[in-house]
């Protein structure tokens, strides 16, 4: 019968303890990665879902605005979800709602600035038919608003100088 020294037993115990600690770290890292993937899926999924709904609503020339207003539904949904999540309205689902809201707002911002890049007209209503939705002609939005009147001459001068 072979003899195992105390040193060898200590080395085996140390190896087993090290392997167990490494397995625990791997488990924790896998859980963190799964959480990151879920977060990414919620953000991208929120943007994709609102983009699909917006496309369906605008398919026949419709506006994706709250009826009777010039408020973009996408902006309202994104701000509503993120705001409610920040005020902990959804309980244990607050982080999920925040992620989806962030995806919706990212999609909205992308749409607004895509339009701005194409037309040099900035509008808060995103989507393919936004200039007709808010009545702005192509061109600089500040200059267009100045031309519509209703501002004091001092304010018009100041804005004209900055444009």
N, C-alpha and C. Protein backbone atom coordinates (compact mmCIF):
# COMPACT_ATOMS: atom_id res chain seq x y z
N UNK A 1 0.84 -1.16 0.00
CA UNK A 1 0.00 0.00 0.00
C UNK A 1 0.90 1.24 0.00
N UNK A 2 0.61 2.14 -0.98
CA UNK A 2 1.47 3.33 -1.07
C UNK A 2 1.14 4.32 0.03
N UNK A 3 2.14 5.06 0.41
CA UNK A 3 2.00 6.05 1.46
C UNK A 3 1.85 7.43 0.81
N UNK A 4 0.83 8.21 1.26
CA UNK A 4 0.61 9.56 0.75
C UNK A 4 1.00 10.52 1.87
N UNK A 5 1.89 11.41 1.54
CA UNK A 5 2.36 12.34 2.56
C UNK A 5 1.34 13.47 2.77
N UNK A 6 1.53 14.15 3.89
CA UNK A 6 0.67 15.30 4.19
C UNK A 6 0.83 16.40 3.14
N UNK A 7 2.02 16.55 2.61
CA UNK A 7 2.28 17.55 1.58
C UNK A 7 1.50 17.24 0.31
N UNK A 8 1.48 15.97 -0.09
CA UNK A 8 0.74 15.57 -1.29
C UNK A 8 -0.77 15.76 -1.08
N UNK A 9 -1.27 15.45 0.08
CA UNK A 9 -2.69 15.64 0.38
C UNK A 9 -3.03 17.13 0.34
N UNK A 10 -2.17 17.97 0.89
CA UNK A 10 -2.38 19.41 0.87
C UNK A 10 -2.38 19.94 -0.57
N UNK A 11 -1.49 19.39 -1.39
CA UNK A 11 -1.43 19.82 -2.80
C UNK A 11 -2.70 19.42 -3.55
N UNK A 12 -3.22 18.23 -3.28
CA UNK A 12 -4.46 17.78 -3.91
C UNK A 12 -5.63 18.66 -3.44
N UNK A 13 -5.68 18.97 -2.16
CA UNK A 13 -6.74 19.84 -1.63
C UNK A 13 -6.66 21.23 -2.25
N UNK A 14 -5.46 21.74 -2.39
CA UNK A 14 -5.27 23.05 -2.99
C UNK A 14 -5.73 23.06 -4.45
N UNK A 15 -5.38 21.99 -5.17
CA UNK A 15 -5.79 21.88 -6.57
C UNK A 15 -7.30 21.81 -6.69
N UNK A 16 -7.93 21.01 -5.84
CA UNK A 16 -9.39 20.90 -5.87
C UNK A 16 -10.03 22.24 -5.52
N UNK A 17 -9.51 22.95 -4.52
CA UNK A 17 -10.04 24.26 -4.14
C UNK A 17 -9.88 25.27 -5.28
N UNK A 18 -8.74 25.23 -5.96
CA UNK A 18 -8.48 26.13 -7.08
C UNK A 18 -9.44 25.85 -8.23
N UNK A 19 -9.65 24.57 -8.51
CA UNK A 19 -10.58 24.19 -9.58
C UNK A 19 -12.01 24.61 -9.25
N UNK A 20 -12.40 24.46 -7.99
CA UNK A 20 -13.74 24.86 -7.57
C UNK A 20 -13.91 26.38 -7.69
N UNK A 21 -12.89 27.14 -7.29
CA UNK A 21 -12.96 28.60 -7.40
C UNK A 21 -13.03 29.02 -8.87
N UNK A 22 -12.25 28.36 -9.72
CA UNK A 22 -12.27 28.66 -11.15
C UNK A 22 -13.63 28.34 -11.75
N UNK A 23 -14.24 27.23 -11.33
CA UNK A 23 -15.57 26.87 -11.82
C UNK A 23 -16.61 27.90 -11.38
N UNK A 24 -16.50 28.40 -10.16
CA UNK A 24 -17.43 29.42 -9.67
C UNK A 24 -17.27 30.72 -10.45
N UNK A 25 -16.01 31.13 -10.73
CA UNK A 25 -15.78 32.34 -11.52
C UNK A 25 -16.34 32.18 -12.92
N UNK A 26 -16.17 31.00 -13.51
CA UNK A 26 -16.70 30.75 -14.86
C UNK A 26 -18.23 30.81 -14.85
N UNK A 27 -18.83 30.29 -13.80
CA UNK A 27 -20.29 30.33 -13.68
C UNK A 27 -20.78 31.76 -13.55
N UNK A 28 -20.10 32.56 -12.74
CA UNK A 28 -20.47 33.96 -12.57
C UNK A 28 -20.28 34.74 -13.88
N UNK A 29 -19.19 34.47 -14.57
CA UNK A 29 -18.93 35.15 -15.84
C UNK A 29 -19.98 34.76 -16.89
N UNK A 30 -20.38 33.49 -16.91
CA UNK A 30 -21.41 33.05 -17.85
C UNK A 30 -22.74 33.73 -17.54
N UNK A 31 -23.06 33.87 -16.26
CA UNK A 31 -24.31 34.55 -15.88
C UNK A 31 -24.25 36.02 -16.29
N UNK A 32 -23.09 36.67 -16.13
CA UNK A 32 -22.94 38.06 -16.54
C UNK A 32 -23.09 38.19 -18.05
N UNK A 33 -22.48 37.30 -18.79
CA UNK A 33 -22.58 37.33 -20.26
C UNK A 33 -24.02 37.10 -20.71
N UNK A 34 -24.72 36.19 -20.04
CA UNK A 34 -26.13 35.95 -20.38
C UNK A 34 -26.96 37.20 -20.11
N UNK A 35 -26.68 37.89 -19.01
CA UNK A 35 -27.38 39.14 -18.70
C UNK A 35 -27.08 40.21 -19.74
N UNK A 36 -25.82 40.29 -20.18
CA UNK A 36 -25.45 41.26 -21.22
C UNK A 36 -26.16 40.95 -22.53
N UNK A 37 -26.25 39.67 -22.87
CA UNK A 37 -26.94 39.27 -24.11
C UNK A 37 -28.43 39.59 -24.02
N UNK A 38 -29.03 39.38 -22.85
CA UNK A 38 -30.45 39.70 -22.66
C UNK A 38 -30.66 41.20 -22.82
N UNK A 39 -29.78 41.99 -22.23
CA UNK A 39 -29.87 43.44 -22.32
C UNK A 39 -29.77 43.88 -23.78
N UNK A 40 -28.82 43.32 -24.51
CA UNK A 40 -28.65 43.67 -25.92
C UNK A 40 -29.89 43.28 -26.72
N UNK A 41 -30.44 42.11 -26.44
CA UNK A 41 -31.64 41.66 -27.16
C UNK A 41 -32.83 42.59 -26.87
N UNK A 42 -32.96 43.06 -25.64
CA UNK A 42 -34.05 43.97 -25.30
C UNK A 42 -33.89 45.31 -26.01
N UNK A 43 -32.67 45.82 -26.05
CA UNK A 43 -32.43 47.11 -26.69
C UNK A 43 -32.68 47.00 -28.20
N UNK A 44 -32.05 46.02 -28.83
CA UNK A 44 -32.22 45.86 -30.28
C UNK A 44 -33.66 45.47 -30.61
N UNK A 45 -34.24 44.61 -29.80
CA UNK A 45 -35.63 44.20 -30.02
C UNK A 45 -36.60 45.36 -29.90
N UNK A 46 -36.38 46.25 -28.95
CA UNK A 46 -37.24 47.43 -28.81
C UNK A 46 -37.18 48.31 -30.04
N UNK A 47 -35.96 48.54 -30.54
CA UNK A 47 -35.80 49.35 -31.76
C UNK A 47 -36.41 48.67 -32.97
N UNK A 48 -36.20 47.37 -33.09
CA UNK A 48 -36.74 46.63 -34.24
C UNK A 48 -38.27 46.61 -34.21
N UNK A 49 -38.84 46.39 -33.03
CA UNK A 49 -40.30 46.31 -32.92
C UNK A 49 -40.95 47.65 -33.26
N UNK A 50 -40.40 48.73 -32.73
CA UNK A 50 -41.02 50.04 -33.01
C UNK A 50 -40.81 50.40 -34.47
N UNK A 51 -39.68 50.01 -35.05
CA UNK A 51 -39.45 50.27 -36.47
C UNK A 51 -40.46 49.54 -37.34
N UNK A 52 -40.78 48.30 -36.97
CA UNK A 52 -41.77 47.52 -37.71
C UNK A 52 -43.15 48.17 -37.61
N UNK A 53 -43.54 48.54 -36.39
CA UNK A 53 -44.85 49.16 -36.18
C UNK A 53 -44.93 50.49 -36.93
N UNK A 54 -43.85 51.28 -36.86
CA UNK A 54 -43.82 52.56 -37.57
C UNK A 54 -43.97 52.32 -39.07
N UNK A 55 -43.27 51.33 -39.61
CA UNK A 55 -43.38 51.02 -41.03
C UNK A 55 -44.80 50.65 -41.43
N UNK A 56 -45.47 49.86 -40.61
CA UNK A 56 -46.86 49.49 -40.89
C UNK A 56 -47.78 50.71 -40.87
N UNK A 57 -47.56 51.60 -39.90
CA UNK A 57 -48.41 52.79 -39.78
C UNK A 57 -48.17 53.76 -40.94
N UNK A 58 -46.93 53.85 -41.41
CA UNK A 58 -46.60 54.79 -42.47
C UNK A 58 -46.75 54.19 -43.87
N UNK A 59 -47.08 52.91 -43.92
CA UNK A 59 -47.14 52.18 -45.19
C UNK A 59 -48.00 52.89 -46.23
N UNK A 60 -49.14 53.37 -45.84
CA UNK A 60 -50.05 54.03 -46.77
C UNK A 60 -50.05 55.54 -46.60
N UNK A 61 -48.91 56.09 -46.19
CA UNK A 61 -48.79 57.53 -46.06
C UNK A 61 -49.25 58.07 -44.72
N UNK A 62 -49.54 57.20 -43.78
CA UNK A 62 -50.00 57.66 -42.48
C UNK A 62 -48.86 58.25 -41.66
N UNK A 63 -49.21 59.08 -40.72
CA UNK A 63 -48.23 59.68 -39.83
C UNK A 63 -48.17 58.88 -38.54
N UNK A 64 -46.98 58.74 -38.00
CA UNK A 64 -46.78 58.01 -36.75
C UNK A 64 -46.74 59.00 -35.61
N UNK A 65 -47.81 59.80 -35.52
CA UNK A 65 -47.92 60.81 -34.47
C UNK A 65 -49.16 60.52 -33.64
N UNK A 66 -49.15 61.06 -32.43
CA UNK A 66 -50.33 60.94 -31.58
C UNK A 66 -51.44 61.73 -32.27
N UNK A 67 -52.60 61.11 -32.49
CA UNK A 67 -53.67 61.77 -33.24
C UNK A 67 -53.98 63.17 -32.70
N UNK A 68 -54.07 64.12 -33.62
CA UNK A 68 -54.40 65.48 -33.27
C UNK A 68 -53.21 66.30 -32.78
N UNK A 69 -52.02 65.71 -32.78
CA UNK A 69 -50.83 66.42 -32.32
C UNK A 69 -49.70 66.23 -33.33
N UNK A 70 -48.60 66.89 -33.08
CA UNK A 70 -47.38 66.68 -33.85
C UNK A 70 -46.33 65.98 -32.99
N UNK A 71 -46.79 65.17 -32.04
CA UNK A 71 -45.89 64.43 -31.16
C UNK A 71 -45.71 63.03 -31.72
N UNK A 72 -44.46 62.69 -32.01
CA UNK A 72 -44.11 61.39 -32.57
C UNK A 72 -44.41 60.29 -31.55
N UNK A 73 -45.14 59.27 -31.96
CA UNK A 73 -45.49 58.16 -31.07
C UNK A 73 -44.23 57.47 -30.57
N UNK A 74 -43.25 57.31 -31.44
CA UNK A 74 -42.02 56.63 -31.07
C UNK A 74 -41.30 57.37 -29.94
N UNK A 75 -41.24 58.69 -30.03
CA UNK A 75 -40.63 59.49 -28.97
C UNK A 75 -41.42 59.32 -27.67
N UNK A 76 -42.72 59.38 -27.75
CA UNK A 76 -43.57 59.25 -26.56
C UNK A 76 -43.40 57.88 -25.91
N UNK A 77 -43.37 56.82 -26.71
CA UNK A 77 -43.20 55.46 -26.17
C UNK A 77 -41.83 55.32 -25.50
N UNK A 78 -40.79 55.78 -26.18
CA UNK A 78 -39.45 55.67 -25.63
C UNK A 78 -39.29 56.43 -24.33
N UNK A 79 -39.76 57.69 -24.31
CA UNK A 79 -39.67 58.48 -23.09
C UNK A 79 -40.56 57.91 -21.99
N UNK A 80 -41.73 57.40 -22.38
CA UNK A 80 -42.63 56.80 -21.40
C UNK A 80 -42.03 55.57 -20.73
N UNK A 81 -41.46 54.69 -21.54
CA UNK A 81 -40.85 53.48 -20.96
C UNK A 81 -39.66 53.80 -20.08
N UNK A 82 -38.76 54.64 -20.57
CA UNK A 82 -37.57 54.94 -19.77
C UNK A 82 -37.94 55.74 -18.52
N UNK A 83 -38.85 56.69 -18.66
CA UNK A 83 -39.26 57.47 -17.50
C UNK A 83 -39.94 56.61 -16.44
N UNK A 84 -40.85 55.76 -16.88
CA UNK A 84 -41.54 54.89 -15.93
C UNK A 84 -40.56 53.93 -15.25
N UNK A 85 -39.59 53.43 -16.02
CA UNK A 85 -38.60 52.52 -15.44
C UNK A 85 -37.73 53.25 -14.41
N UNK A 86 -37.37 54.49 -14.71
CA UNK A 86 -36.55 55.25 -13.75
C UNK A 86 -37.31 55.55 -12.47
N UNK A 87 -38.64 55.65 -12.56
CA UNK A 87 -39.45 55.86 -11.37
C UNK A 87 -39.95 54.55 -10.78
N UNK A 88 -39.37 53.44 -11.25
CA UNK A 88 -39.61 52.10 -10.72
C UNK A 88 -41.08 51.69 -10.76
N UNK A 89 -41.74 52.01 -11.86
CA UNK A 89 -43.15 51.67 -12.04
C UNK A 89 -43.32 50.17 -12.33
N UNK A 90 -42.35 49.57 -13.00
CA UNK A 90 -42.47 48.18 -13.44
C UNK A 90 -41.92 47.17 -12.43
N UNK A 91 -41.49 47.62 -11.28
CA UNK A 91 -40.99 46.70 -10.25
C UNK A 91 -39.76 45.95 -10.72
N UNK A 92 -39.81 44.62 -10.63
CA UNK A 92 -38.63 43.83 -10.99
C UNK A 92 -38.33 43.89 -12.50
N UNK A 93 -39.22 44.46 -13.29
CA UNK A 93 -39.00 44.57 -14.74
C UNK A 93 -38.52 45.96 -15.16
N UNK A 94 -38.14 46.78 -14.20
CA UNK A 94 -37.69 48.14 -14.51
C UNK A 94 -36.50 48.15 -15.47
N UNK A 95 -35.52 47.31 -15.21
CA UNK A 95 -34.34 47.28 -16.08
C UNK A 95 -34.71 46.83 -17.49
N UNK A 96 -35.61 45.87 -17.60
CA UNK A 96 -36.06 45.41 -18.92
C UNK A 96 -36.77 46.54 -19.67
N UNK A 97 -37.65 47.25 -18.99
CA UNK A 97 -38.37 48.37 -19.62
C UNK A 97 -37.40 49.48 -20.01
N UNK A 98 -36.41 49.73 -19.17
CA UNK A 98 -35.40 50.74 -19.48
C UNK A 98 -34.63 50.36 -20.74
N UNK A 99 -34.28 49.10 -20.87
CA UNK A 99 -33.55 48.64 -22.05
C UNK A 99 -34.40 48.76 -23.31
N UNK A 100 -35.65 48.34 -23.25
CA UNK A 100 -36.53 48.44 -24.41
C UNK A 100 -36.74 49.92 -24.77
N UNK A 101 -36.97 50.75 -23.76
CA UNK A 101 -37.13 52.18 -24.00
C UNK A 101 -35.89 52.79 -24.64
N UNK A 102 -34.72 52.36 -24.20
CA UNK A 102 -33.47 52.86 -24.79
C UNK A 102 -33.37 52.45 -26.26
N UNK A 103 -33.81 51.24 -26.58
CA UNK A 103 -33.80 50.81 -27.97
C UNK A 103 -34.76 51.61 -28.83
N UNK A 104 -35.93 51.91 -28.28
CA UNK A 104 -36.91 52.71 -29.00
C UNK A 104 -36.36 54.11 -29.24
N UNK A 105 -35.76 54.71 -28.21
CA UNK A 105 -35.21 56.06 -28.36
C UNK A 105 -34.02 56.08 -29.32
N UNK A 106 -33.22 55.02 -29.31
CA UNK A 106 -32.09 54.95 -30.24
C UNK A 106 -32.60 54.88 -31.68
N UNK A 107 -33.64 54.09 -31.91
CA UNK A 107 -34.22 54.00 -33.25
C UNK A 107 -34.79 55.35 -33.66
N UNK A 108 -35.50 55.99 -32.75
CA UNK A 108 -36.09 57.30 -33.03
C UNK A 108 -35.00 58.32 -33.40
N UNK A 109 -33.95 58.38 -32.58
CA UNK A 109 -32.87 59.32 -32.85
C UNK A 109 -32.21 59.03 -34.20
N UNK A 110 -32.04 57.76 -34.50
CA UNK A 110 -31.48 57.39 -35.80
C UNK A 110 -32.34 57.86 -36.95
N UNK A 111 -33.65 57.73 -36.80
CA UNK A 111 -34.57 58.17 -37.85
C UNK A 111 -34.55 59.69 -38.01
N UNK A 112 -34.57 60.40 -36.90
CA UNK A 112 -34.57 61.87 -36.95
C UNK A 112 -33.30 62.37 -37.64
N UNK A 113 -32.16 61.83 -37.24
CA UNK A 113 -30.91 62.32 -37.80
C UNK A 113 -30.64 61.78 -39.20
N UNK A 114 -31.22 60.65 -39.55
CA UNK A 114 -31.16 60.18 -40.94
C UNK A 114 -31.88 61.19 -41.83
N UNK A 115 -33.06 61.60 -41.40
CA UNK A 115 -33.82 62.60 -42.17
C UNK A 115 -33.07 63.93 -42.24
N UNK A 116 -32.50 64.34 -41.13
CA UNK A 116 -31.75 65.59 -41.10
C UNK A 116 -30.55 65.52 -42.05
N UNK A 117 -29.88 64.39 -42.07
CA UNK A 117 -28.74 64.22 -42.97
C UNK A 117 -29.14 64.25 -44.43
N UNK A 118 -30.32 63.75 -44.74
CA UNK A 118 -30.79 63.72 -46.14
C UNK A 118 -31.30 65.07 -46.60
N UNK A 119 -31.91 65.84 -45.70
CA UNK A 119 -32.65 67.03 -46.14
C UNK A 119 -32.16 68.34 -45.54
N UNK A 120 -31.31 68.31 -44.55
CA UNK A 120 -30.90 69.50 -43.81
C UNK A 120 -32.07 70.19 -43.13
N UNK A 121 -33.18 69.50 -42.96
CA UNK A 121 -34.34 70.03 -42.23
C UNK A 121 -34.49 69.19 -40.97
N UNK A 122 -34.45 69.82 -39.82
CA UNK A 122 -34.57 69.09 -38.56
C UNK A 122 -36.03 69.11 -38.13
N UNK A 123 -36.56 67.95 -37.83
CA UNK A 123 -37.94 67.83 -37.36
C UNK A 123 -37.99 66.78 -36.26
N UNK A 124 -38.88 66.96 -35.31
CA UNK A 124 -39.01 65.99 -34.22
C UNK A 124 -39.90 64.82 -34.58
N UNK A 125 -40.52 64.86 -35.74
CA UNK A 125 -41.28 63.71 -36.21
C UNK A 125 -40.37 62.96 -37.16
N UNK A 126 -40.07 61.73 -36.83
CA UNK A 126 -39.18 60.91 -37.66
C UNK A 126 -40.00 60.27 -38.78
N UNK A 127 -39.40 59.41 -39.53
CA UNK A 127 -40.14 58.68 -40.55
C UNK A 127 -40.00 59.29 -41.93
N UNK A 128 -40.46 58.55 -42.92
CA UNK A 128 -40.22 58.92 -44.31
C UNK A 128 -41.03 60.12 -44.77
N UNK A 129 -42.16 60.40 -44.16
CA UNK A 129 -43.00 61.49 -44.63
C UNK A 129 -43.06 62.64 -43.62
N UNK A 130 -42.00 62.83 -42.87
CA UNK A 130 -42.03 63.81 -41.80
C UNK A 130 -42.21 65.25 -42.25
N UNK A 131 -41.66 65.73 -43.37
CA UNK A 131 -41.84 67.16 -43.68
C UNK A 131 -43.32 67.52 -43.85
N UNK A 132 -44.11 66.64 -44.45
CA UNK A 132 -45.53 66.94 -44.62
C UNK A 132 -46.27 66.81 -43.30
N UNK A 133 -45.73 66.02 -42.38
CA UNK A 133 -46.39 65.88 -41.08
C UNK A 133 -46.35 67.17 -40.29
N UNK A 134 -45.26 67.92 -40.38
CA UNK A 134 -45.16 69.11 -39.55
C UNK A 134 -45.13 70.39 -40.36
N UNK A 135 -45.24 70.30 -41.66
CA UNK A 135 -45.35 71.49 -42.48
C UNK A 135 -44.06 72.24 -42.71
N UNK A 136 -42.91 71.64 -42.46
CA UNK A 136 -41.65 72.33 -42.71
C UNK A 136 -41.15 71.99 -44.10
N UNK A 137 -40.80 72.99 -44.84
CA UNK A 137 -40.19 72.76 -46.14
C UNK A 137 -38.75 72.34 -45.92
N UNK A 138 -38.12 71.79 -46.94
CA UNK A 138 -36.72 71.43 -46.81
C UNK A 138 -35.91 72.70 -46.64
N UNK A 139 -34.90 72.61 -45.85
CA UNK A 139 -34.04 73.75 -45.55
C UNK A 139 -33.79 73.79 -44.07
N UNK A 140 -33.20 74.83 -43.60
CA UNK A 140 -32.87 74.93 -42.20
C UNK A 140 -34.12 75.20 -41.38
N UNK A 141 -34.35 74.39 -40.36
CA UNK A 141 -35.58 74.48 -39.57
C UNK A 141 -35.68 75.82 -38.84
N UNK A 142 -34.58 76.31 -38.30
CA UNK A 142 -34.64 77.59 -37.59
C UNK A 142 -35.01 78.71 -38.56
N UNK A 143 -34.43 78.71 -39.74
CA UNK A 143 -34.74 79.74 -40.72
C UNK A 143 -36.21 79.63 -41.14
N UNK A 144 -36.70 78.40 -41.30
CA UNK A 144 -38.11 78.21 -41.68
C UNK A 144 -39.04 78.73 -40.60
N UNK A 145 -38.70 78.48 -39.34
CA UNK A 145 -39.56 78.93 -38.25
C UNK A 145 -39.55 80.45 -38.15
N UNK A 146 -38.40 81.06 -38.39
CA UNK A 146 -38.31 82.52 -38.34
C UNK A 146 -39.25 83.13 -39.38
N UNK A 147 -39.27 82.55 -40.56
CA UNK A 147 -40.09 83.07 -41.64
C UNK A 147 -41.57 82.96 -41.38
N UNK A 148 -41.99 82.14 -40.40
CA UNK A 148 -43.41 81.96 -40.13
C UNK A 148 -43.97 83.04 -39.22
N UNK A 149 -43.13 83.94 -38.75
CA UNK A 149 -43.62 85.04 -37.91
C UNK A 149 -43.88 84.60 -36.49
N UNK A 150 -44.41 85.53 -35.72
CA UNK A 150 -44.75 85.21 -34.34
C UNK A 150 -43.60 85.42 -33.38
N UNK A 151 -42.41 85.86 -33.87
CA UNK A 151 -41.29 86.11 -32.99
C UNK A 151 -41.01 87.60 -32.96
N UNK A 152 -40.44 88.04 -31.86
CA UNK A 152 -40.06 89.45 -31.80
C UNK A 152 -38.93 89.69 -32.79
N UNK A 153 -38.80 90.93 -33.24
CA UNK A 153 -37.76 91.24 -34.23
C UNK A 153 -36.38 91.03 -33.64
N UNK A 154 -36.20 91.27 -32.34
CA UNK A 154 -34.89 91.05 -31.72
C UNK A 154 -34.54 89.57 -31.74
N UNK A 155 -35.51 88.72 -31.43
CA UNK A 155 -35.27 87.28 -31.45
C UNK A 155 -35.02 86.81 -32.87
N UNK A 156 -35.78 87.33 -33.83
CA UNK A 156 -35.56 86.97 -35.23
C UNK A 156 -34.15 87.37 -35.67
N UNK A 157 -33.70 88.53 -35.29
CA UNK A 157 -32.37 89.00 -35.66
C UNK A 157 -31.30 88.11 -35.05
N UNK A 158 -31.48 87.77 -33.79
CA UNK A 158 -30.50 86.92 -33.10
C UNK A 158 -30.43 85.55 -33.74
N UNK A 159 -31.58 84.95 -34.05
CA UNK A 159 -31.59 83.63 -34.68
C UNK A 159 -31.06 83.70 -36.11
N UNK A 160 -31.39 84.75 -36.83
CA UNK A 160 -30.90 84.90 -38.19
C UNK A 160 -29.38 85.01 -38.21
N UNK A 161 -28.85 85.72 -37.25
CA UNK A 161 -27.40 85.90 -37.19
C UNK A 161 -26.70 84.58 -36.89
N UNK A 162 -27.34 83.72 -36.09
CA UNK A 162 -26.70 82.45 -35.76
C UNK A 162 -26.88 81.40 -36.84
N UNK A 163 -27.84 81.60 -37.75
CA UNK A 163 -28.10 80.64 -38.82
C UNK A 163 -27.25 80.92 -39.95
